[in-house]
Amino acid sequence: MIAHLEGRLRHKAPDHVIVDVHGVGYCVYVPLSTFYDLPDVGSSASLHVHTHVREDTLQLYGFGTAAEKAMFLHLIAVNGVGPKLALTILSGIQPDELHRVVLFQDRQRLQKIPGIGKKTAERILLELKDRLRLPAPEPPPAAPSAVSDEDDGYADAYSALLNLGYRPAEASKALRKARGVVAAVTEKPTLEQLLREALRILA
């Protein structure tokens, strides 16, 4: 069973990569979170790997961190969750955030991920609650304190960026920059203005 691969990155796509190890190219399926952190094609890459074996196929799933691989294994152990859906989940939510979602049984957050309906979300939350034995995570960061509670445009833009899959730290950083840019044009930025500028910065 292959548990780890290290070699030259020969091909890189959002859903899979090919890693050349001593002349042998291994096709490895990856979540978006791992894809974003991979180096350029031609560079050396290292992946934590799960070998998924069925009667008619053998597939490799790779992850940039041990935490991602561990969460993937927890997910595919859930009734009705296969490797493809597990990758989709990890593409839309980081392991530490998923831990919080399970801890607080936040079904709505899970349902924002493509392919996750109400019943599937409830089953994942129920089964992972029993499987996960990790330290309780810190509470999710709130919108920056420099913004008042009445600034709904900022708070809504921050929430929208999280729902799009951006990490809390990068969403906050982008919005701080966006607020400075938009503030030079208007005294009270709207949600649309902040979100448009933040997405431009993140891109």
Protein backbone atom coordinates (compact mmCIF):
# COMPACT_ATOMS: atom_id res chain seq x y z
CA MET A 1 0.00 0.00 0.00
CA ILE A 2 1.34 3.43 -0.98
CA ALA A 3 1.23 5.86 1.96
CA HIS A 4 3.58 8.60 0.75
CA LEU A 5 4.96 9.88 -2.54
CA GLU A 6 7.83 12.23 -3.22
CA GLY A 7 9.03 13.09 -6.70
CA ARG A 8 8.86 15.55 -9.57
CA LEU A 9 5.50 17.12 -10.37
CA ARG A 10 4.84 16.28 -14.03
CA HIS A 11 1.23 17.47 -14.30
CA LYS A 12 -1.02 19.61 -12.14
CA ALA A 13 -4.81 20.02 -12.40
CA PRO A 14 -7.43 21.10 -9.82
CA ASP A 15 -8.59 17.51 -9.25
CA HIS A 16 -5.43 15.43 -9.81
CA VAL A 17 -1.67 15.53 -10.26
CA ILE A 18 0.96 13.24 -11.74
CA VAL A 19 4.06 12.68 -9.65
CA ASP A 20 7.11 11.17 -11.32
CA VAL A 21 8.97 8.90 -8.92
CA HIS A 22 12.12 7.44 -10.54
CA GLY A 23 10.51 7.39 -13.98
CA VAL A 24 7.11 6.07 -12.87
CA GLY A 25 4.21 8.52 -13.09
CA TYR A 26 1.61 8.17 -10.35
CA CYS A 27 -1.82 9.74 -10.90
CA VAL A 28 -3.00 11.13 -7.55
CA TYR A 29 -6.39 12.73 -6.90
CA VAL A 30 -6.20 15.78 -4.64
CA PRO A 31 -8.56 18.30 -3.00
CA LEU A 32 -8.39 21.96 -4.02
CA SER A 33 -6.69 22.84 -0.73
CA THR A 34 -3.74 20.63 -1.65
CA PHE A 35 -3.74 21.80 -5.29
CA TYR A 36 -3.38 25.45 -4.24
CA ASP A 37 -0.33 24.67 -2.07
CA LEU A 38 1.53 22.57 -4.64
CA PRO A 39 4.66 23.99 -6.33
CA ASP A 40 4.95 24.62 -10.06
CA VAL A 41 5.15 21.76 -12.54
CA GLY A 42 8.71 20.47 -12.70
CA SER A 43 9.36 21.09 -9.02
CA SER A 44 9.72 18.47 -6.30
CA ALA A 45 6.48 17.59 -4.51
CA SER A 46 5.64 15.49 -1.47
CA LEU A 47 2.19 14.05 -0.71
CA HIS A 48 0.58 12.03 2.05
CA VAL A 49 -1.23 9.27 0.16
CA HIS A 50 -4.18 6.97 0.74
CA THR A 51 -4.40 3.92 -1.53
CA HIS A 52 -8.04 3.12 -2.25
CA VAL A 53 -8.54 -0.42 -3.50
CA ARG A 54 -11.70 -1.86 -5.03
CA GLU A 55 -12.34 -5.02 -6.99
CA ASP A 56 -12.00 -3.25 -10.33
CA THR A 57 -9.74 -0.30 -9.56
CA LEU A 58 -6.87 1.08 -7.51
CA GLN A 59 -6.76 4.84 -6.95
CA LEU A 60 -4.40 7.13 -5.07
CA TYR A 61 -5.57 10.17 -3.09
CA GLY A 62 -2.98 12.72 -2.02
CA PHE A 63 -2.87 15.46 0.59
CA GLY A 64 -0.49 18.24 1.48
CA THR A 65 -0.84 17.65 5.23
CA ALA A 66 -1.33 14.71 7.55
CA ALA A 67 -4.40 16.47 8.98
CA GLU A 68 -6.09 16.48 5.56
CA LYS A 69 -5.37 12.80 5.06
CA ALA A 70 -6.66 11.93 8.55
CA MET A 71 -9.89 13.85 7.94
CA PHE A 72 -10.28 12.17 4.54
CA LEU A 73 -10.06 8.76 6.21
CA HIS A 74 -12.68 9.81 8.76
CA LEU A 75 -14.98 11.00 5.98
CA ILE A 76 -14.82 7.89 3.81
CA ALA A 77 -15.63 5.81 6.89
CA VAL A 78 -19.00 7.60 7.05
CA ASN A 79 -21.83 5.57 5.53
CA GLY A 80 -22.56 6.87 2.02
CA VAL A 81 -19.45 9.06 1.69
CA GLY A 82 -17.03 7.87 -0.96
CA PRO A 83 -13.58 9.22 -1.87
CA LYS A 84 -14.92 11.61 -4.52
CA LEU A 85 -17.38 13.27 -2.12
CA ALA A 86 -14.73 13.35 0.63
CA LEU A 87 -12.41 15.28 -1.72
CA THR A 88 -15.24 17.69 -2.54
CA ILE A 89 -15.81 18.30 1.17
CA LEU A 90 -12.11 18.94 1.82
CA SER A 91 -12.03 21.25 -1.22
CA GLY A 92 -14.68 23.40 0.43
CA ILE A 93 -13.65 23.29 4.07
CA GLN A 94 -10.35 22.97 5.95
CA PRO A 95 -9.92 20.14 8.51
CA ASP A 96 -9.82 22.53 11.47
CA GLU A 97 -13.01 24.26 10.33
CA LEU A 98 -14.68 20.90 9.69
CA HIS A 99 -13.79 19.94 13.24
CA ARG A 100 -15.58 23.06 14.49
CA VAL A 101 -18.56 22.30 12.26
CA VAL A 102 -18.83 18.83 13.76
CA LEU A 103 -18.25 20.13 17.27
CA PHE A 104 -21.12 22.62 16.96
CA GLN A 105 -23.22 20.39 14.64
CA ASP A 106 -23.40 23.16 12.03
CA ARG A 107 -25.45 21.44 9.33
CA GLN A 108 -25.98 24.60 7.29
CA ARG A 109 -22.24 25.07 6.79
CA LEU A 110 -21.91 21.55 5.41
CA GLN A 111 -24.87 21.99 3.09
CA LYS A 112 -23.11 24.91 1.39
CA ILE A 113 -20.68 22.38 -0.10
CA PRO A 114 -21.79 21.07 -3.53
CA GLY A 115 -23.27 17.58 -3.34
CA ILE A 116 -24.12 17.73 0.37
CA GLY A 117 -27.86 17.58 1.10
CA LYS A 118 -29.64 17.71 4.42
CA LYS A 119 -29.59 13.96 5.08
CA THR A 120 -25.96 13.53 4.07
CA ALA A 121 -24.92 16.50 6.24
CA GLU A 122 -26.79 15.10 9.24
CA ARG A 123 -25.20 11.67 8.77
CA ILE A 124 -21.70 13.16 8.48
CA LEU A 125 -22.18 15.26 11.62
CA LEU A 126 -23.58 12.33 13.59
CA GLU A 127 -20.90 9.81 12.62
CA LEU A 128 -17.93 12.19 12.79
CA LYS A 129 -18.98 13.35 16.24
CA ASP A 130 -18.24 9.82 17.47
CA ARG A 131 -15.09 9.34 15.36
CA LEU A 132 -13.21 12.58 15.97
CA ARG A 133 -11.03 12.64 19.05
CA LEU A 134 -9.09 15.85 18.45
CA PRO A 135 -8.40 18.80 20.78
CA ALA A 136 -11.20 21.34 20.73
CA PRO A 137 -10.32 24.10 18.23
CA GLU A 138 -10.23 27.79 18.96
CA PRO A 139 -13.40 29.71 18.12
CA PRO A 140 -13.52 30.99 14.53
CA PRO A 141 -12.19 34.53 14.12
CA ALA A 142 -14.81 37.26 14.08
CA ALA A 143 -14.84 40.08 11.60
CA PRO A 144 -12.08 42.56 12.53
CA SER A 145 -12.92 44.61 15.63
CA ALA A 146 -12.13 47.84 13.85
CA VAL A 147 -15.46 47.39 12.07
CA SER A 148 -18.58 48.24 14.06
CA ASP A 149 -21.48 45.81 14.46
CA GLU A 150 -23.58 48.15 12.33
CA ASP A 151 -21.27 47.75 9.36
CA ASP A 152 -23.40 45.02 7.78
CA GLY A 153 -21.67 45.31 4.42
CA TYR A 154 -18.31 44.36 5.91
CA ALA A 155 -19.68 41.53 8.05
CA ASP A 156 -21.70 40.12 5.14
CA ALA A 157 -18.71 40.34 2.80
CA TYR A 158 -16.55 38.49 5.35
CA SER A 159 -19.20 35.76 5.67
CA ALA A 160 -19.51 35.50 1.88
CA LEU A 161 -15.75 35.00 1.46
CA LEU A 162 -15.77 32.21 4.06
CA ASN A 163 -18.66 30.55 2.22
CA LEU A 164 -16.65 30.73 -0.99
CA GLY A 165 -13.94 28.67 0.70
CA TYR A 166 -11.40 31.36 1.61
CA ARG A 167 -9.61 30.95 4.93
CA PRO A 168 -10.59 33.33 7.76
CA ALA A 169 -7.14 34.96 7.90
CA GLU A 170 -6.93 35.66 4.16
CA ALA A 171 -10.56 36.87 4.05
CA SER A 172 -9.90 39.36 6.86
CA LYS A 173 -6.68 40.58 5.27
CA ALA A 174 -8.30 41.06 1.86
CA LEU A 175 -11.28 42.90 3.35
CA ARG A 176 -9.07 45.26 5.33
CA LYS A 177 -7.28 46.21 2.11
CA ALA A 178 -10.56 46.41 0.20
CA ARG A 179 -12.10 48.69 2.81
CA GLY A 180 -9.17 51.09 2.52
CA VAL A 181 -9.50 51.21 -1.28
CA VAL A 182 -13.28 51.62 -1.31
CA ALA A 183 -13.21 54.15 1.56
CA ALA A 184 -11.25 56.51 -0.69
CA VAL A 185 -14.28 56.62 -3.01
CA THR A 186 -17.24 56.42 -0.63
CA GLU A 187 -17.74 57.07 3.08
CA LYS A 188 -19.85 53.96 3.71
CA PRO A 189 -18.85 51.01 1.47
CA THR A 190 -21.59 48.64 0.35
CA LEU A 191 -21.45 44.85 0.40
CA GLU A 192 -21.07 44.70 -3.38
CA GLN A 193 -18.20 47.19 -3.40
CA LEU A 194 -16.30 45.44 -0.62
CA LEU A 195 -16.81 41.96 -2.04
CA ARG A 196 -15.82 42.98 -5.57
CA GLU A 197 -12.63 44.66 -4.36
CA ALA A 198 -11.76 41.82 -1.95
CA LEU A 199 -12.15 39.21 -4.70
CA ARG A 200 -9.95 41.32 -6.98
CA ILE A 201 -7.27 41.40 -4.26
CA LEU A 202 -7.53 37.66 -3.60
CA ALA A 203 -7.25 36.93 -7.33
